[in-house]
N, C-alpha and C. Protein backbone atom coordinates (compact mmCIF):
# COMPACT_ATOMS: atom_id res chain seq x y z
N MET A 1 -79.06 100.83 171.93
CA MET A 1 -79.00 99.86 170.90
C MET A 1 -77.26 99.88 170.59
N SER A 2 -77.85 98.08 170.28
CA SER A 2 -76.59 97.27 169.78
C SER A 2 -76.25 96.99 168.56
N PHE A 3 -75.00 97.60 167.53
CA PHE A 3 -74.97 97.80 166.31
C PHE A 3 -73.48 96.96 165.96
N THR A 4 -73.23 96.75 164.68
CA THR A 4 -71.98 96.72 164.33
C THR A 4 -71.61 97.46 163.12
N ILE A 5 -70.73 98.02 162.37
CA ILE A 5 -70.17 98.87 161.81
C ILE A 5 -69.17 97.55 160.70
N ARG A 6 -69.61 97.54 159.14
CA ARG A 6 -69.04 97.20 158.71
C ARG A 6 -69.17 97.63 157.27
N ARG A 7 -67.76 96.81 156.05
CA ARG A 7 -68.05 97.52 154.54
C ARG A 7 -68.96 96.82 154.23
N ILE A 8 -69.72 97.38 153.19
CA ILE A 8 -70.41 96.88 152.27
C ILE A 8 -69.51 96.12 151.02
N VAL A 9 -69.96 95.08 151.05
CA VAL A 9 -69.52 94.27 149.55
C VAL A 9 -70.38 93.54 148.76
N GLY A 10 -69.75 92.86 147.63
CA GLY A 10 -71.22 92.93 146.51
C GLY A 10 -72.14 91.81 146.81
N ASN A 11 -71.91 90.92 147.70
CA ASN A 11 -72.85 89.96 148.21
C ASN A 11 -73.78 90.62 148.92
N ASP A 12 -73.73 91.54 149.34
CA ASP A 12 -75.05 92.36 150.23
C ASP A 12 -75.75 93.05 149.22
N TRP A 13 -76.08 92.73 148.13
CA TRP A 13 -76.53 93.57 147.01
C TRP A 13 -77.83 93.85 147.27
N GLN A 14 -78.92 92.45 147.72
CA GLN A 14 -79.85 92.36 148.15
C GLN A 14 -80.94 93.39 149.10
N GLU A 15 -79.73 93.72 150.28
CA GLU A 15 -79.72 94.08 151.59
C GLU A 15 -79.24 95.74 151.09
N PHE A 16 -78.42 96.26 149.98
CA PHE A 16 -77.85 97.00 149.68
C PHE A 16 -79.28 97.85 148.73
N ARG A 17 -80.07 96.86 147.74
CA ARG A 17 -80.95 97.26 147.52
C ARG A 17 -82.50 98.22 148.48
N GLU A 18 -82.79 97.15 149.38
CA GLU A 18 -83.79 97.01 150.21
C GLU A 18 -83.36 98.32 150.75
N ILE A 19 -82.09 98.83 151.61
CA ILE A 19 -81.89 100.19 152.17
C ILE A 19 -82.37 101.47 151.32
N ARG A 20 -81.53 101.01 150.08
CA ARG A 20 -81.84 102.26 149.03
C ARG A 20 -83.03 102.61 148.95
N LEU A 21 -83.95 101.72 148.61
CA LEU A 21 -85.38 101.49 148.36
C LEU A 21 -86.37 102.26 149.49
N ARG A 22 -85.84 102.17 150.90
CA ARG A 22 -86.43 102.45 152.09
C ARG A 22 -85.58 104.44 152.02
N MET A 23 -84.45 104.16 151.99
CA MET A 23 -84.01 105.98 152.30
C MET A 23 -84.67 106.86 150.94
N LEU A 24 -84.76 106.14 149.93
CA LEU A 24 -85.66 107.22 148.93
C LEU A 24 -87.03 107.76 148.98
N ALA A 25 -87.86 106.29 149.61
CA ALA A 25 -88.84 106.60 150.18
C ALA A 25 -89.01 107.55 151.13
N ASP A 26 -88.29 107.12 152.62
CA ASP A 26 -88.19 108.42 153.25
C ASP A 26 -87.78 109.73 153.29
N THR A 27 -86.56 109.80 152.13
CA THR A 27 -85.86 111.27 152.32
C THR A 27 -86.11 111.40 150.93
N PRO A 28 -86.81 111.57 150.40
CA PRO A 28 -86.56 111.84 149.02
C PRO A 28 -85.78 112.65 148.18
N ILE A 29 -85.77 113.84 148.82
CA ILE A 29 -84.26 115.41 148.33
C ILE A 29 -83.30 115.01 148.96
N ALA A 30 -83.42 113.91 149.78
CA ALA A 30 -81.79 113.83 149.90
C ALA A 30 -80.87 112.90 149.15
N PHE A 31 -81.00 112.55 148.03
CA PHE A 31 -80.09 111.51 147.03
C PHE A 31 -80.87 112.16 145.76
N GLY A 32 -79.59 111.36 145.10
CA GLY A 32 -80.07 112.39 143.44
C GLY A 32 -80.43 111.01 142.78
N GLU A 33 -81.73 110.59 143.18
CA GLU A 33 -82.01 109.61 142.42
C GLU A 33 -83.52 109.29 142.68
N THR A 34 -84.88 109.20 142.17
CA THR A 34 -85.82 109.02 142.16
C THR A 34 -85.76 107.23 143.15
N LEU A 35 -86.92 107.34 143.67
CA LEU A 35 -87.76 106.22 144.06
C LEU A 35 -87.78 105.06 142.97
N ALA A 36 -88.47 105.69 141.84
CA ALA A 36 -89.41 104.87 141.09
C ALA A 36 -87.70 104.21 140.04
N HIS A 37 -87.09 105.19 139.80
CA HIS A 37 -85.89 104.66 139.10
C HIS A 37 -85.57 103.74 139.73
N ALA A 38 -85.20 104.01 140.61
CA ALA A 38 -84.44 102.73 141.68
C ALA A 38 -84.75 101.39 141.54
N GLN A 39 -86.40 101.44 141.81
CA GLN A 39 -86.78 100.29 141.94
C GLN A 39 -87.22 99.25 140.38
N SER A 40 -87.03 100.32 139.12
CA SER A 40 -86.78 99.96 138.59
C SER A 40 -85.10 99.26 137.39
N LEU A 41 -84.52 99.17 138.15
CA LEU A 41 -83.41 98.53 137.95
C LEU A 41 -82.96 97.56 138.41
N GLY A 42 -82.28 96.24 137.71
CA GLY A 42 -82.40 94.87 137.65
C GLY A 42 -81.15 94.31 138.15
N ASP A 43 -81.41 93.01 138.35
CA ASP A 43 -80.35 92.65 139.62
C ASP A 43 -78.90 92.95 139.55
N ALA A 44 -78.68 92.88 138.14
CA ALA A 44 -77.26 92.73 137.83
C ALA A 44 -76.67 94.35 138.14
N GLN A 45 -77.19 95.09 137.71
CA GLN A 45 -76.89 97.02 138.35
C GLN A 45 -77.22 96.63 139.79
N TRP A 46 -77.73 95.93 140.49
CA TRP A 46 -78.10 96.05 141.96
C TRP A 46 -76.78 95.49 142.79
N ILE A 47 -76.10 94.60 141.61
CA ILE A 47 -75.19 93.75 142.57
C ILE A 47 -73.92 94.84 142.30
N GLN A 48 -73.73 95.36 141.02
CA GLN A 48 -72.58 96.43 140.61
C GLN A 48 -73.03 97.74 141.31
N ARG A 49 -74.19 97.95 141.95
CA ARG A 49 -74.13 99.34 142.69
C ARG A 49 -73.31 98.67 144.34
N ALA A 50 -73.89 97.55 144.73
CA ALA A 50 -72.91 97.06 145.91
C ALA A 50 -71.81 96.65 145.92
N THR A 51 -71.15 95.79 145.13
CA THR A 51 -69.83 96.03 144.49
C THR A 51 -68.67 97.43 144.43
N SER A 52 -69.66 98.40 143.80
CA SER A 52 -68.72 99.65 143.64
C SER A 52 -68.29 100.40 145.63
N ASN A 53 -68.79 99.83 146.37
CA ASN A 53 -68.85 100.04 147.98
C ASN A 53 -67.63 99.20 148.27
N GLU A 54 -67.13 98.60 147.54
CA GLU A 54 -65.43 98.03 148.00
C GLU A 54 -64.25 97.93 147.30
N GLN A 55 -64.74 99.32 145.81
CA GLN A 55 -63.62 98.97 144.99
C GLN A 55 -62.88 100.30 145.87
N ASP A 56 -61.75 100.06 145.77
CA ASP A 56 -61.11 101.12 146.36
C ASP A 56 -60.85 102.21 144.73
N PRO A 57 -60.70 103.87 145.59
CA PRO A 57 -60.86 104.28 147.08
C PRO A 57 -62.23 104.40 147.41
N ASN A 58 -63.51 103.83 146.39
CA ASN A 58 -64.84 103.94 147.32
C ASN A 58 -65.03 103.15 148.29
N ILE A 59 -66.15 103.82 149.38
CA ILE A 59 -66.28 102.86 150.47
C ILE A 59 -67.83 102.75 150.51
N GLY A 60 -68.45 102.05 151.28
CA GLY A 60 -69.74 102.04 151.79
C GLY A 60 -69.82 101.33 153.05
N LEU A 61 -70.51 101.96 154.04
CA LEU A 61 -70.54 101.42 155.62
C LEU A 61 -71.72 101.49 155.83
N VAL A 62 -72.21 100.16 157.12
CA VAL A 62 -73.70 99.79 157.17
C VAL A 62 -73.76 99.45 158.49
N ALA A 63 -74.34 100.10 159.05
CA ALA A 63 -75.03 99.74 160.73
C ALA A 63 -75.75 98.58 160.80
N ILE A 64 -75.32 97.14 161.47
CA ILE A 64 -76.22 96.12 161.15
C ILE A 64 -76.86 95.80 162.97
N ASP A 65 -77.92 95.68 163.38
CA ASP A 65 -77.93 95.41 164.50
C ASP A 65 -78.16 93.65 164.57
N GLU A 66 -77.98 93.17 165.86
CA GLU A 66 -77.56 92.09 166.22
C GLU A 66 -78.31 91.11 165.81
N ASP A 67 -80.15 91.21 164.80
CA ASP A 67 -80.58 90.52 164.26
C ASP A 67 -80.52 90.34 162.83
N GLY A 68 -79.53 91.20 162.50
CA GLY A 68 -79.10 91.41 161.13
C GLY A 68 -80.21 92.01 159.97
N THR A 69 -80.71 93.58 160.89
CA THR A 69 -81.52 94.35 160.22
C THR A 69 -80.47 95.06 159.91
N TRP A 70 -80.31 96.25 158.68
CA TRP A 70 -79.49 97.24 158.23
C TRP A 70 -80.21 98.58 158.67
N LEU A 71 -79.55 99.09 159.52
CA LEU A 71 -80.15 100.59 160.33
C LEU A 71 -79.50 101.72 159.58
N GLY A 72 -78.54 101.53 159.10
CA GLY A 72 -78.00 102.50 158.55
C GLY A 72 -76.83 102.70 157.51
N VAL A 73 -76.54 103.47 156.72
CA VAL A 73 -75.42 103.38 155.69
C VAL A 73 -74.82 104.88 155.37
N MET A 74 -73.32 105.22 154.53
CA MET A 74 -72.90 105.98 154.18
C MET A 74 -71.78 105.58 153.55
N ARG A 75 -71.63 106.62 152.55
CA ARG A 75 -70.56 105.69 151.56
C ARG A 75 -69.67 106.75 150.95
N GLY A 76 -68.99 106.77 150.33
CA GLY A 76 -67.48 107.56 150.04
C GLY A 76 -67.01 107.32 149.06
N TYR A 77 -66.49 108.20 148.33
CA TYR A 77 -65.93 108.06 146.76
C TYR A 77 -64.83 109.23 146.68
N MET A 78 -64.22 108.89 145.81
CA MET A 78 -63.08 110.21 145.77
C MET A 78 -63.09 111.24 144.16
N SER A 79 -63.65 112.20 144.44
CA SER A 79 -63.92 112.81 143.61
C SER A 79 -63.01 113.97 143.24
N PRO A 80 -61.98 113.74 141.88
CA PRO A 80 -61.26 114.27 141.01
C PRO A 80 -61.47 115.65 141.70
N SER A 81 -62.29 116.43 141.86
CA SER A 81 -61.91 118.06 142.16
C SER A 81 -61.92 118.35 143.42
N ALA A 82 -63.40 117.47 144.33
CA ALA A 82 -63.19 117.64 146.04
C ALA A 82 -62.54 117.11 146.44
N GLY A 83 -61.84 115.62 145.95
CA GLY A 83 -61.04 115.28 147.11
C GLY A 83 -62.49 113.88 147.79
N PRO A 84 -62.50 113.55 148.80
CA PRO A 84 -62.97 112.78 149.59
C PRO A 84 -64.30 113.15 149.68
N MET A 85 -65.62 112.56 148.99
CA MET A 85 -67.20 112.90 149.04
C MET A 85 -67.98 112.13 149.98
N LEU A 86 -68.73 112.75 151.06
CA LEU A 86 -69.86 111.77 151.76
C LEU A 86 -71.23 111.74 151.03
N VAL A 87 -71.45 110.24 150.49
CA VAL A 87 -72.53 110.29 149.81
C VAL A 87 -73.63 109.11 150.74
N GLY A 88 -74.79 109.02 150.08
CA GLY A 88 -75.60 108.45 150.26
C GLY A 88 -75.90 108.16 151.66
N VAL A 89 -75.99 109.28 152.62
CA VAL A 89 -76.35 108.92 153.84
C VAL A 89 -77.50 108.26 154.22
N TYR A 90 -77.48 107.86 155.30
CA TYR A 90 -79.25 107.11 155.74
C TYR A 90 -79.17 106.18 156.91
N VAL A 91 -80.09 107.28 157.55
CA VAL A 91 -80.08 106.39 158.95
C VAL A 91 -81.52 105.96 159.20
N ASP A 92 -82.32 104.50 159.68
CA ASP A 92 -83.44 104.75 159.56
C ASP A 92 -84.26 105.32 160.87
N PRO A 93 -85.72 105.61 160.37
CA PRO A 93 -86.30 106.50 161.81
C PRO A 93 -85.94 105.82 163.44
N ASP A 94 -85.90 104.73 163.43
CA ASP A 94 -85.71 104.14 164.89
C ASP A 94 -84.61 103.69 165.13
N ALA A 95 -83.51 104.44 164.16
CA ALA A 95 -81.96 104.33 164.86
C ALA A 95 -81.77 105.57 164.58
N ARG A 96 -82.56 106.75 164.77
CA ARG A 96 -81.54 107.96 164.82
C ARG A 96 -81.79 108.10 165.97
N GLY A 97 -80.73 109.42 166.10
CA GLY A 97 -80.70 110.19 167.36
C GLY A 97 -79.44 110.17 167.87
N ARG A 98 -78.69 111.21 168.72
CA ARG A 98 -77.48 110.97 168.96
C ARG A 98 -77.53 109.29 170.12
N HIS A 99 -78.77 109.59 171.04
CA HIS A 99 -78.38 108.94 171.82
C HIS A 99 -78.26 106.98 170.97
N ALA A 100 -78.76 107.00 170.07
CA ALA A 100 -78.53 105.59 169.12
C ALA A 100 -77.09 105.33 168.69
N GLY A 101 -76.61 106.89 168.52
CA GLY A 101 -75.14 106.64 167.67
C GLY A 101 -74.66 105.79 166.49
N VAL A 102 -75.61 105.60 166.00
CA VAL A 102 -75.39 105.04 165.16
C VAL A 102 -75.06 106.09 163.43
N ALA A 103 -75.85 107.29 163.41
CA ALA A 103 -74.79 108.05 162.43
C ALA A 103 -73.51 108.23 162.68
N ASP A 104 -73.45 108.72 164.28
CA ASP A 104 -71.73 109.00 164.66
C ASP A 104 -71.05 107.64 164.29
N ALA A 105 -71.20 106.55 164.72
CA ALA A 105 -70.26 105.87 163.93
C ALA A 105 -70.02 105.18 162.90
N LEU A 106 -71.36 105.83 162.11
CA LEU A 106 -70.86 105.51 160.59
C LEU A 106 -69.96 106.48 160.11
N LEU A 107 -70.57 107.78 160.56
CA LEU A 107 -69.52 109.18 160.27
C LEU A 107 -68.13 108.94 160.60
N ASP A 108 -68.09 108.41 161.94
CA ASP A 108 -66.24 108.36 161.95
C ASP A 108 -65.61 106.84 161.35
N GLY A 109 -66.49 106.17 160.63
CA GLY A 109 -65.82 105.28 159.73
C GLY A 109 -65.39 105.99 158.35
N ILE A 110 -66.37 106.78 158.05
CA ILE A 110 -66.22 107.54 156.77
C ILE A 110 -65.22 108.78 157.11
N ILE A 111 -65.01 108.95 157.94
CA ILE A 111 -63.62 110.29 158.63
C ILE A 111 -62.17 109.38 158.46
N ALA A 112 -62.67 107.93 158.80
CA ALA A 112 -61.11 107.42 159.02
C ALA A 112 -60.85 106.91 157.24
N TRP A 113 -61.56 106.92 156.86
CA TRP A 113 -61.39 106.33 155.42
C TRP A 113 -60.97 107.77 154.73
N ALA A 114 -61.18 108.97 154.96
CA ALA A 114 -61.15 109.95 154.15
C ALA A 114 -59.86 110.86 154.47
N ARG A 115 -59.31 110.38 156.00
CA ARG A 115 -58.17 110.91 156.29
C ARG A 115 -56.85 109.83 155.39
N GLY A 116 -57.02 108.95 155.09
CA GLY A 116 -56.02 108.48 154.42
C GLY A 116 -56.02 108.61 153.05
N LEU A 117 -57.40 109.64 152.03
CA LEU A 117 -57.23 110.02 151.25
C LEU A 117 -56.75 111.72 150.80
N GLY A 118 -57.28 112.74 151.59
CA GLY A 118 -57.15 114.38 151.71
C GLY A 118 -57.21 114.45 152.95
N THR A 119 -57.33 115.54 153.11
CA THR A 119 -57.40 116.76 154.32
C THR A 119 -58.71 116.94 154.02
N THR A 120 -59.73 117.32 153.51
CA THR A 120 -61.04 117.19 154.26
C THR A 120 -62.03 116.55 153.71
N LEU A 121 -63.15 116.58 154.30
CA LEU A 121 -64.29 115.65 153.62
C LEU A 121 -65.79 116.31 153.18
N THR A 122 -66.25 116.23 152.11
CA THR A 122 -66.82 117.33 151.66
C THR A 122 -68.19 116.63 151.30
N LEU A 123 -69.14 117.19 151.51
CA LEU A 123 -70.70 116.72 151.08
C LEU A 123 -71.92 117.56 150.95
N ASP A 124 -72.81 117.11 150.16
CA ASP A 124 -74.00 118.26 149.76
C ASP A 124 -75.16 118.09 150.06
N VAL A 125 -75.58 118.99 150.77
CA VAL A 125 -77.27 118.77 151.44
C VAL A 125 -78.03 119.54 151.02
N HIS A 126 -79.44 119.06 150.64
CA HIS A 126 -80.75 120.21 150.34
C HIS A 126 -80.82 120.67 151.51
N ALA A 127 -81.08 121.93 150.88
CA ALA A 127 -81.11 123.31 152.08
C ALA A 127 -82.49 122.77 153.15
N ASP A 128 -83.26 122.20 152.25
CA ASP A 128 -84.93 121.96 152.93
C ASP A 128 -84.47 120.63 153.52
N ASN A 129 -83.22 120.18 154.34
CA ASN A 129 -82.76 119.02 155.20
C ASN A 129 -82.50 119.16 156.40
N PRO A 130 -83.04 120.33 157.07
CA PRO A 130 -82.74 120.40 158.54
C PRO A 130 -82.10 119.58 159.30
N ARG A 131 -82.69 118.40 159.76
CA ARG A 131 -81.53 117.63 160.29
C ARG A 131 -80.42 117.07 160.18
N ALA A 132 -80.86 116.77 159.07
CA ALA A 132 -79.24 116.51 158.24
C ALA A 132 -77.87 117.49 158.61
N ILE A 133 -78.41 118.91 158.29
CA ILE A 133 -77.53 120.02 158.31
C ILE A 133 -77.09 119.85 159.60
N ALA A 134 -78.27 119.69 160.72
CA ALA A 134 -77.71 119.67 162.27
C ALA A 134 -77.21 119.03 162.53
N PHE A 135 -77.05 118.04 162.09
CA PHE A 135 -75.90 116.68 162.41
C PHE A 135 -74.98 116.77 161.98
N TYR A 136 -74.73 117.56 160.10
CA TYR A 136 -73.15 117.76 160.12
C TYR A 136 -72.99 118.64 160.58
N THR A 137 -73.56 119.74 161.02
CA THR A 137 -72.94 120.80 161.79
C THR A 137 -72.56 120.80 162.99
N ARG A 138 -72.75 119.56 163.65
CA ARG A 138 -72.49 119.35 165.25
C ARG A 138 -71.12 118.42 164.90
N ARG A 139 -70.57 117.87 163.84
CA ARG A 139 -69.62 116.90 163.39
C ARG A 139 -68.73 117.84 162.93
N GLY A 140 -68.60 119.16 162.59
CA GLY A 140 -68.00 120.20 162.63
C GLY A 140 -67.98 120.30 160.87
N PHE A 141 -68.97 120.21 160.01
CA PHE A 141 -68.79 120.36 158.86
C PHE A 141 -69.25 122.04 159.13
N VAL A 142 -68.62 122.54 158.18
CA VAL A 142 -69.06 124.28 157.49
C VAL A 142 -69.49 124.14 156.40
N ASN A 143 -71.06 125.17 156.20
CA ASN A 143 -71.15 125.47 154.69
C ASN A 143 -69.74 126.52 154.17
N THR A 144 -69.75 126.08 152.69
CA THR A 144 -68.93 126.29 152.05
C THR A 144 -69.13 127.82 151.53
N GLY A 145 -70.68 128.09 151.22
CA GLY A 145 -71.25 128.89 150.52
C GLY A 145 -71.23 128.71 149.21
N VAL A 146 -71.03 127.18 148.51
CA VAL A 146 -71.17 126.87 147.52
C VAL A 146 -72.29 126.02 147.44
N THR A 147 -73.33 126.41 146.46
CA THR A 147 -75.04 125.95 146.48
C THR A 147 -74.75 125.41 144.94
N MET A 148 -75.78 124.75 144.77
CA MET A 148 -76.12 123.72 143.17
C MET A 148 -77.39 123.63 143.23
N PRO A 149 -78.19 124.01 142.10
CA PRO A 149 -79.82 123.67 142.38
C PRO A 149 -80.10 121.94 142.06
N TYR A 150 -80.78 121.40 142.71
CA TYR A 150 -81.02 120.04 143.27
C TYR A 150 -82.20 119.83 141.91
N GLU A 151 -82.14 118.91 141.23
CA GLU A 151 -82.40 118.98 139.78
C GLU A 151 -83.58 117.82 139.84
N LEU A 152 -83.78 117.31 140.87
CA LEU A 152 -85.37 116.38 140.80
C LEU A 152 -86.43 117.28 141.51
N GLU A 153 -87.48 116.79 141.47
CA GLU A 153 -88.26 117.18 141.72
C GLU A 153 -88.49 117.37 143.74
N PRO A 154 -88.70 117.90 144.19
CA PRO A 154 -89.45 119.29 144.40
C PRO A 154 -88.09 120.75 143.96
N GLY A 155 -87.19 120.08 143.48
CA GLY A 155 -86.37 121.07 143.13
C GLY A 155 -85.03 121.46 144.32
N GLY A 156 -85.03 123.18 144.49
CA GLY A 156 -84.22 124.05 145.60
C GLY A 156 -83.08 123.50 145.47
N THR A 157 -81.99 123.55 146.81
CA THR A 157 -80.70 124.00 146.48
C THR A 157 -80.55 123.30 147.14
N GLU A 158 -79.47 122.57 146.87
CA GLU A 158 -77.99 121.77 147.75
C GLU A 158 -77.15 122.88 148.09
N ASN A 159 -76.39 122.73 149.08
CA ASN A 159 -75.56 123.06 149.88
C ASN A 159 -74.42 122.68 150.03
N GLU A 160 -72.76 122.93 149.85
CA GLU A 160 -71.89 122.19 149.81
C GLU A 160 -71.34 122.14 151.56
N MET A 161 -71.07 121.10 151.84
CA MET A 161 -70.59 121.33 153.23
C MET A 161 -68.91 120.61 153.56
N ARG A 162 -68.50 121.18 154.20
CA ARG A 162 -66.84 120.28 154.54
C ARG A 162 -66.45 120.31 155.55
N LEU A 163 -65.90 119.33 155.76
CA LEU A 163 -64.99 119.41 157.43
C LEU A 163 -63.21 118.92 157.04
N VAL A 164 -62.65 120.08 158.20
CA VAL A 164 -61.10 119.92 157.50
C VAL A 164 -60.53 118.68 158.54
N LEU A 165 -60.24 118.01 158.21
CA LEU A 165 -59.80 116.80 158.58
C LEU A 165 -58.34 116.75 159.71
C-alpha cells in the first residue's frame, strides 16, 4: 500500500470532518464524542478543529493514499498533567493491519513529536477495544493500572496506557 504521512492543516477541514464522521460511525467506543454530536457541528467548528492540529504543541497527522483518500489519522496534544497524549486514532478498515503499515507510520510520527515534548506518550483506550489494545501493546505501550469510566453509551471502562520514549 502506497501512502504519505503529513500534518493536518486548517484547509483540510472538509477531509478532517469526513474522516471524523467515518471513525465515529466505525468505532463509537473509541472516541469521547458521538456521531450525532459531530454531525451537528457547523463549518466554522470543523475549521477550528482542523486548524488546532497545526497549532503547537498540538499535532494531527494523516495518511493519504496516491488517490488523495484519507486512510487514517492520529493526533496528539500536551496534557498539563500527563504530558504528550495520543488521541483520535483511526485507520480505515481497508488500510488496517501490520502489512499495510498505516497505523505504524502514523504512530512513528506521533512518537517523534512526543519525544520533543517529554519522556512518555500516554493514551486512553476502551477496555472493549482489543484490536487497539493489541496494537498499542505491540508498539511498547503498557497498562498503567489507571482506569476511568467511559462516559458515553454503552459505558464501560477506559484504560490508561503509556509508552516510555
